[in-house]
N, C-alpha and C. Protein backbone atom coordinates (compact mmCIF):
# COMPACT_ATOMS: atom_id res chain seq x y z
N GLN A 1 -2.55 1.19 -23.70
CA GLN A 1 -3.93 1.23 -24.05
C GLN A 1 -4.78 0.70 -22.90
N VAL A 2 -6.05 1.15 -22.89
CA VAL A 2 -7.00 0.78 -21.86
C VAL A 2 -8.25 0.22 -22.53
N GLN A 3 -8.76 -0.86 -21.97
CA GLN A 3 -10.02 -1.44 -22.43
C GLN A 3 -11.07 -1.26 -21.35
N LEU A 4 -12.27 -0.87 -21.75
CA LEU A 4 -13.38 -0.64 -20.84
C LEU A 4 -14.55 -1.51 -21.26
N VAL A 5 -15.11 -2.26 -20.33
CA VAL A 5 -16.23 -3.14 -20.61
C VAL A 5 -17.35 -2.83 -19.64
N GLU A 6 -18.50 -2.43 -20.20
CA GLU A 6 -19.67 -2.10 -19.39
C GLU A 6 -20.61 -3.29 -19.28
N SER A 7 -21.41 -3.29 -18.23
CA SER A 7 -22.44 -4.29 -18.04
C SER A 7 -23.51 -3.72 -17.12
N GLY A 8 -24.65 -4.39 -17.07
CA GLY A 8 -25.70 -4.02 -16.15
C GLY A 8 -26.91 -3.35 -16.75
N GLY A 9 -26.87 -3.04 -18.03
CA GLY A 9 -28.02 -2.43 -18.67
C GLY A 9 -29.16 -3.42 -18.81
N GLY A 10 -30.33 -2.89 -19.16
CA GLY A 10 -31.48 -3.74 -19.33
C GLY A 10 -32.75 -2.94 -19.46
N LEU A 11 -33.87 -3.64 -19.34
CA LEU A 11 -35.19 -3.05 -19.43
C LEU A 11 -35.80 -2.97 -18.04
N VAL A 12 -36.29 -1.80 -17.69
CA VAL A 12 -36.88 -1.59 -16.38
C VAL A 12 -38.05 -0.62 -16.49
N GLN A 13 -39.02 -0.78 -15.61
CA GLN A 13 -40.15 0.14 -15.59
C GLN A 13 -39.78 1.44 -14.89
N ALA A 14 -40.51 2.49 -15.23
CA ALA A 14 -40.29 3.77 -14.57
C ALA A 14 -40.38 3.61 -13.07
N GLY A 15 -39.44 4.24 -12.38
CA GLY A 15 -39.37 4.13 -10.94
C GLY A 15 -38.44 3.04 -10.46
N GLY A 16 -37.99 2.20 -11.36
CA GLY A 16 -37.11 1.12 -11.00
C GLY A 16 -35.66 1.54 -10.92
N SER A 17 -34.79 0.54 -10.70
CA SER A 17 -33.37 0.80 -10.51
C SER A 17 -32.52 -0.15 -11.33
N LEU A 18 -31.34 0.31 -11.69
CA LEU A 18 -30.32 -0.50 -12.34
C LEU A 18 -28.97 -0.06 -11.82
N ARG A 19 -28.01 -0.98 -11.84
CA ARG A 19 -26.64 -0.64 -11.51
C ARG A 19 -25.74 -1.03 -12.67
N LEU A 20 -25.05 -0.05 -13.22
CA LEU A 20 -24.10 -0.29 -14.29
C LEU A 20 -22.70 -0.46 -13.72
N SER A 21 -21.92 -1.31 -14.37
CA SER A 21 -20.54 -1.53 -13.97
C SER A 21 -19.64 -1.35 -15.18
N CYS A 22 -18.42 -0.89 -14.94
CA CYS A 22 -17.43 -0.72 -15.99
C CYS A 22 -16.08 -1.14 -15.44
N VAL A 23 -15.48 -2.13 -16.07
CA VAL A 23 -14.19 -2.64 -15.64
C VAL A 23 -13.11 -2.19 -16.61
N ALA A 24 -12.07 -1.59 -16.09
CA ALA A 24 -10.94 -1.15 -16.89
C ALA A 24 -9.81 -2.17 -16.81
N SER A 25 -9.18 -2.41 -17.94
CA SER A 25 -8.06 -3.33 -17.99
C SER A 25 -7.02 -2.80 -18.96
N GLY A 26 -5.86 -3.42 -18.96
CA GLY A 26 -4.77 -2.98 -19.81
C GLY A 26 -3.83 -2.07 -19.04
N SER A 27 -3.43 -0.98 -19.66
CA SER A 27 -2.50 -0.03 -19.05
C SER A 27 -3.27 0.95 -18.19
N ILE A 28 -3.72 0.47 -17.04
CA ILE A 28 -4.59 1.28 -16.19
C ILE A 28 -3.84 2.28 -15.33
N PHE A 29 -2.52 2.14 -15.22
CA PHE A 29 -1.77 3.10 -14.43
C PHE A 29 -1.92 4.49 -15.03
N GLY A 30 -2.22 5.46 -14.20
CA GLY A 30 -2.37 6.83 -14.64
C GLY A 30 -3.80 7.28 -14.85
N ILE A 31 -4.76 6.35 -14.77
CA ILE A 31 -6.16 6.73 -14.92
C ILE A 31 -6.59 7.55 -13.71
N ASN A 32 -7.18 8.69 -13.99
CA ASN A 32 -7.70 9.53 -12.92
C ASN A 32 -9.23 9.54 -12.97
N THR A 33 -9.78 10.34 -13.86
CA THR A 33 -11.23 10.46 -13.95
C THR A 33 -11.84 9.32 -14.75
N MET A 34 -12.92 8.75 -14.22
CA MET A 34 -13.75 7.82 -14.95
C MET A 34 -15.17 8.33 -14.88
N GLY A 35 -15.96 7.99 -15.88
CA GLY A 35 -17.31 8.51 -15.88
C GLY A 35 -18.25 7.77 -16.80
N TRP A 36 -19.48 8.26 -16.81
CA TRP A 36 -20.53 7.71 -17.64
C TRP A 36 -21.13 8.79 -18.50
N TYR A 37 -21.34 8.46 -19.77
CA TYR A 37 -22.00 9.32 -20.73
C TYR A 37 -23.15 8.53 -21.35
N ARG A 38 -24.11 9.22 -21.91
CA ARG A 38 -25.22 8.52 -22.53
C ARG A 38 -25.64 9.23 -23.81
N GLN A 39 -26.21 8.45 -24.71
CA GLN A 39 -26.71 8.99 -25.96
C GLN A 39 -28.02 8.31 -26.31
N ALA A 40 -29.07 9.11 -26.41
CA ALA A 40 -30.39 8.64 -26.81
C ALA A 40 -30.59 8.89 -28.29
N PRO A 41 -31.48 8.13 -28.94
CA PRO A 41 -31.74 8.35 -30.36
C PRO A 41 -32.16 9.78 -30.63
N GLY A 42 -31.53 10.39 -31.60
CA GLY A 42 -31.86 11.75 -31.98
C GLY A 42 -31.29 12.82 -31.08
N LYS A 43 -30.48 12.44 -30.12
CA LYS A 43 -29.89 13.39 -29.20
C LYS A 43 -28.37 13.28 -29.21
N GLN A 44 -27.73 14.35 -28.77
CA GLN A 44 -26.27 14.34 -28.64
C GLN A 44 -25.86 13.55 -27.40
N ARG A 45 -24.63 13.05 -27.45
CA ARG A 45 -24.08 12.41 -26.29
C ARG A 45 -23.92 13.43 -25.17
N GLU A 46 -24.29 13.05 -23.97
CA GLU A 46 -24.19 13.96 -22.85
C GLU A 46 -23.50 13.29 -21.67
N PRO A 47 -22.77 14.07 -20.89
CA PRO A 47 -22.17 13.50 -19.69
C PRO A 47 -23.24 13.25 -18.64
N VAL A 48 -23.05 12.18 -17.88
CA VAL A 48 -23.97 11.82 -16.81
C VAL A 48 -23.33 12.03 -15.45
N ALA A 49 -22.18 11.41 -15.24
CA ALA A 49 -21.49 11.51 -13.96
C ALA A 49 -20.03 11.18 -14.15
N GLN A 50 -19.19 11.79 -13.34
CA GLN A 50 -17.76 11.53 -13.37
C GLN A 50 -17.23 11.42 -11.94
N ILE A 51 -16.15 10.68 -11.80
CA ILE A 51 -15.54 10.52 -10.49
C ILE A 51 -14.03 10.42 -10.65
N THR A 52 -13.29 11.11 -9.80
CA THR A 52 -11.84 11.04 -9.82
C THR A 52 -11.37 9.86 -9.00
N ARG A 53 -10.08 9.56 -9.12
CA ARG A 53 -9.52 8.46 -8.35
C ARG A 53 -9.66 8.73 -6.85
N GLY A 54 -9.61 10.00 -6.47
CA GLY A 54 -9.74 10.37 -5.07
C GLY A 54 -11.16 10.43 -4.57
N GLY A 55 -12.15 10.27 -5.44
CA GLY A 55 -13.53 10.20 -5.02
C GLY A 55 -14.37 11.45 -5.24
N SER A 56 -13.81 12.49 -5.84
CA SER A 56 -14.61 13.67 -6.15
C SER A 56 -15.57 13.36 -7.27
N THR A 57 -16.82 13.81 -7.15
CA THR A 57 -17.85 13.46 -8.11
C THR A 57 -18.49 14.69 -8.73
N ASN A 58 -19.08 14.47 -9.90
CA ASN A 58 -19.82 15.51 -10.60
C ASN A 58 -20.97 14.86 -11.33
N TYR A 59 -22.15 15.49 -11.28
CA TYR A 59 -23.35 14.96 -11.92
C TYR A 59 -24.01 16.00 -12.78
N THR A 60 -24.62 15.56 -13.86
CA THR A 60 -25.45 16.45 -14.63
C THR A 60 -26.74 16.68 -13.86
N GLY A 61 -27.33 17.86 -14.04
CA GLY A 61 -28.47 18.25 -13.22
C GLY A 61 -29.66 17.32 -13.28
N SER A 62 -29.92 16.71 -14.42
CA SER A 62 -31.11 15.89 -14.58
C SER A 62 -31.06 14.58 -13.80
N VAL A 63 -29.87 14.15 -13.38
CA VAL A 63 -29.75 12.90 -12.65
C VAL A 63 -29.38 13.11 -11.19
N LYS A 64 -29.06 14.31 -10.82
CA LYS A 64 -28.63 14.60 -9.46
C LYS A 64 -29.73 14.21 -8.47
N GLY A 65 -29.35 13.47 -7.46
CA GLY A 65 -30.30 13.00 -6.47
C GLY A 65 -30.89 11.65 -6.80
N ARG A 66 -30.73 11.17 -8.03
CA ARG A 66 -31.25 9.88 -8.43
C ARG A 66 -30.15 8.87 -8.74
N PHE A 67 -29.04 9.35 -9.31
CA PHE A 67 -27.92 8.49 -9.69
C PHE A 67 -26.76 8.71 -8.73
N THR A 68 -25.99 7.66 -8.52
CA THR A 68 -24.79 7.74 -7.70
C THR A 68 -23.65 7.03 -8.41
N ILE A 69 -22.55 7.74 -8.60
CA ILE A 69 -21.36 7.13 -9.19
C ILE A 69 -20.38 6.78 -8.08
N SER A 70 -19.72 5.65 -8.22
CA SER A 70 -18.73 5.22 -7.25
C SER A 70 -17.67 4.40 -7.97
N ARG A 71 -16.58 4.11 -7.28
CA ARG A 71 -15.53 3.31 -7.90
C ARG A 71 -14.79 2.50 -6.86
N ASP A 72 -14.24 1.40 -7.32
CA ASP A 72 -13.41 0.54 -6.51
C ASP A 72 -12.05 0.51 -7.20
N ASN A 73 -11.11 1.27 -6.67
CA ASN A 73 -9.81 1.39 -7.32
C ASN A 73 -9.05 0.06 -7.35
N ALA A 74 -9.23 -0.75 -6.33
CA ALA A 74 -8.54 -2.04 -6.29
C ALA A 74 -9.02 -2.96 -7.41
N LYS A 75 -10.28 -2.81 -7.81
CA LYS A 75 -10.85 -3.63 -8.88
C LYS A 75 -10.86 -2.92 -10.23
N ASN A 76 -10.38 -1.68 -10.27
CA ASN A 76 -10.39 -0.87 -11.49
C ASN A 76 -11.78 -0.81 -12.09
N THR A 77 -12.76 -0.59 -11.24
CA THR A 77 -14.15 -0.63 -11.65
C THR A 77 -14.89 0.62 -11.20
N VAL A 78 -15.74 1.14 -12.07
CA VAL A 78 -16.60 2.25 -11.74
C VAL A 78 -18.05 1.79 -11.88
N TYR A 79 -18.91 2.31 -11.01
CA TYR A 79 -20.31 1.91 -10.98
C TYR A 79 -21.20 3.13 -11.14
N LEU A 80 -22.40 2.88 -11.64
CA LEU A 80 -23.42 3.90 -11.68
C LEU A 80 -24.72 3.29 -11.16
N GLN A 81 -25.11 3.66 -9.95
CA GLN A 81 -26.37 3.23 -9.38
C GLN A 81 -27.44 4.20 -9.81
N MET A 82 -28.45 3.69 -10.50
CA MET A 82 -29.51 4.51 -11.05
C MET A 82 -30.82 4.15 -10.38
N ASN A 83 -31.39 5.09 -9.66
CA ASN A 83 -32.66 4.91 -8.98
C ASN A 83 -33.70 5.85 -9.56
N SER A 84 -34.95 5.55 -9.28
CA SER A 84 -36.07 6.38 -9.76
C SER A 84 -35.94 6.67 -11.24
N LEU A 85 -35.70 5.64 -12.01
CA LEU A 85 -35.48 5.80 -13.44
C LEU A 85 -36.72 6.32 -14.14
N GLU A 86 -36.50 7.13 -15.14
CA GLU A 86 -37.55 7.74 -15.94
C GLU A 86 -37.38 7.35 -17.40
N PRO A 87 -38.46 7.38 -18.18
CA PRO A 87 -38.31 7.07 -19.61
C PRO A 87 -37.27 7.94 -20.31
N GLU A 88 -37.10 9.16 -19.83
CA GLU A 88 -36.11 10.06 -20.41
C GLU A 88 -34.68 9.60 -20.18
N ASP A 89 -34.48 8.65 -19.29
CA ASP A 89 -33.15 8.10 -19.05
C ASP A 89 -32.77 7.04 -20.08
N THR A 90 -33.69 6.65 -20.92
CA THR A 90 -33.42 5.63 -21.93
C THR A 90 -32.31 6.10 -22.87
N ALA A 91 -31.26 5.30 -22.99
CA ALA A 91 -30.11 5.65 -23.81
C ALA A 91 -29.10 4.52 -23.78
N VAL A 92 -28.10 4.63 -24.64
CA VAL A 92 -26.93 3.79 -24.54
C VAL A 92 -25.95 4.49 -23.61
N TYR A 93 -25.54 3.80 -22.58
CA TYR A 93 -24.64 4.37 -21.60
C TYR A 93 -23.22 3.87 -21.85
N HIS A 94 -22.29 4.80 -21.97
CA HIS A 94 -20.89 4.50 -22.24
C HIS A 94 -20.02 4.89 -21.06
N CYS A 95 -19.10 4.04 -20.74
CA CYS A 95 -18.09 4.32 -19.74
C CYS A 95 -16.89 4.98 -20.41
N ASN A 96 -16.24 5.90 -19.72
CA ASN A 96 -14.99 6.43 -20.24
C ASN A 96 -13.97 6.59 -19.13
N ALA A 97 -12.71 6.71 -19.53
CA ALA A 97 -11.62 6.87 -18.60
C ALA A 97 -10.61 7.83 -19.19
N VAL A 98 -10.05 8.68 -18.35
CA VAL A 98 -9.03 9.63 -18.75
C VAL A 98 -7.73 9.25 -18.08
N ARG A 99 -6.70 9.05 -18.89
CA ARG A 99 -5.40 8.68 -18.38
C ARG A 99 -4.41 9.80 -18.64
N GLN A 100 -3.73 10.22 -17.61
CA GLN A 100 -2.73 11.27 -17.71
C GLN A 100 -1.40 10.76 -17.16
N LEU A 101 -0.37 10.87 -17.98
CA LEU A 101 0.98 10.46 -17.58
C LEU A 101 1.94 11.58 -17.90
N PHE A 102 2.84 11.86 -16.98
CA PHE A 102 3.85 12.88 -17.23
C PHE A 102 4.69 12.49 -18.44
N GLY A 103 4.80 13.42 -19.38
CA GLY A 103 5.58 13.18 -20.57
C GLY A 103 4.88 12.37 -21.63
N ALA A 104 3.65 11.95 -21.38
CA ALA A 104 2.91 11.12 -22.33
C ALA A 104 1.57 11.72 -22.71
N GLY A 105 1.22 12.87 -22.17
CA GLY A 105 -0.02 13.52 -22.53
C GLY A 105 -1.24 12.88 -21.90
N THR A 106 -2.39 13.22 -22.45
CA THR A 106 -3.67 12.76 -21.95
C THR A 106 -4.36 11.90 -23.00
N ASN A 107 -4.91 10.77 -22.57
CA ASN A 107 -5.65 9.88 -23.44
C ASN A 107 -7.03 9.61 -22.86
N VAL A 108 -8.02 9.53 -23.74
CA VAL A 108 -9.39 9.26 -23.35
C VAL A 108 -9.84 7.95 -23.99
N TYR A 109 -10.43 7.08 -23.19
CA TYR A 109 -10.86 5.77 -23.66
C TYR A 109 -12.35 5.60 -23.44
N TRP A 110 -12.98 4.82 -24.33
CA TRP A 110 -14.42 4.61 -24.29
C TRP A 110 -14.76 3.13 -24.35
N GLY A 111 -15.81 2.75 -23.64
CA GLY A 111 -16.35 1.42 -23.75
C GLY A 111 -17.36 1.33 -24.88
N GLN A 112 -17.82 0.12 -25.15
CA GLN A 112 -18.75 -0.11 -26.24
C GLN A 112 -20.18 0.31 -25.92
N GLY A 113 -20.52 0.39 -24.66
CA GLY A 113 -21.83 0.85 -24.25
C GLY A 113 -22.75 -0.28 -23.81
N THR A 114 -23.73 0.08 -23.00
CA THR A 114 -24.76 -0.84 -22.56
C THR A 114 -26.10 -0.13 -22.62
N GLN A 115 -27.11 -0.82 -23.13
CA GLN A 115 -28.41 -0.22 -23.36
C GLN A 115 -29.24 -0.19 -22.07
N VAL A 116 -29.79 0.97 -21.78
CA VAL A 116 -30.75 1.13 -20.69
C VAL A 116 -32.06 1.59 -21.28
N THR A 117 -33.12 0.83 -21.04
CA THR A 117 -34.44 1.17 -21.54
C THR A 117 -35.42 1.23 -20.38
N VAL A 118 -36.09 2.36 -20.26
CA VAL A 118 -37.05 2.58 -19.17
C VAL A 118 -38.43 2.76 -19.78
N SER A 119 -39.34 1.88 -19.42
CA SER A 119 -40.70 1.94 -19.94
C SER A 119 -41.58 2.78 -19.03
N SER A 120 -42.60 3.40 -19.61
CA SER A 120 -43.50 4.25 -18.85
C SER A 120 -44.60 3.46 -18.20
C-alpha cells in the first residue's frame, strides 16, 4: 500500500502563486506516474498534470504555461508550482500515484487533498 499526503494549499489573490507538495510513503517501489487532479464545487474531478518517474510531463490545456509539475524521486515527492492563479483554479487538489508491478497488476492511490482558493 501507498500513502500520499498533500500540503501547500491556501488562500491567494488572483495572479499569485502557490506550490503544492505530495509525499509518498509505504510500498513506494514500482510507482511510475504521479500527478495532480482537482475538483471544484459542482464540477467533475479533472486531471491537472502528471509526471512519470523519468520526467515526462502532461498538462491539461487550461493550466499549460502557468503550472509546472516536478518530482524528486529520492524524496518520493511530487510538486505542483502554480503561477498566475485565477479564480477558476479554486478547487480541492488531490495527489495520485500509479504503481505497476510485474505479476501484481496496477494500483492507483489518492491523497486526501488540499484546498486552493483564489480570490478575484
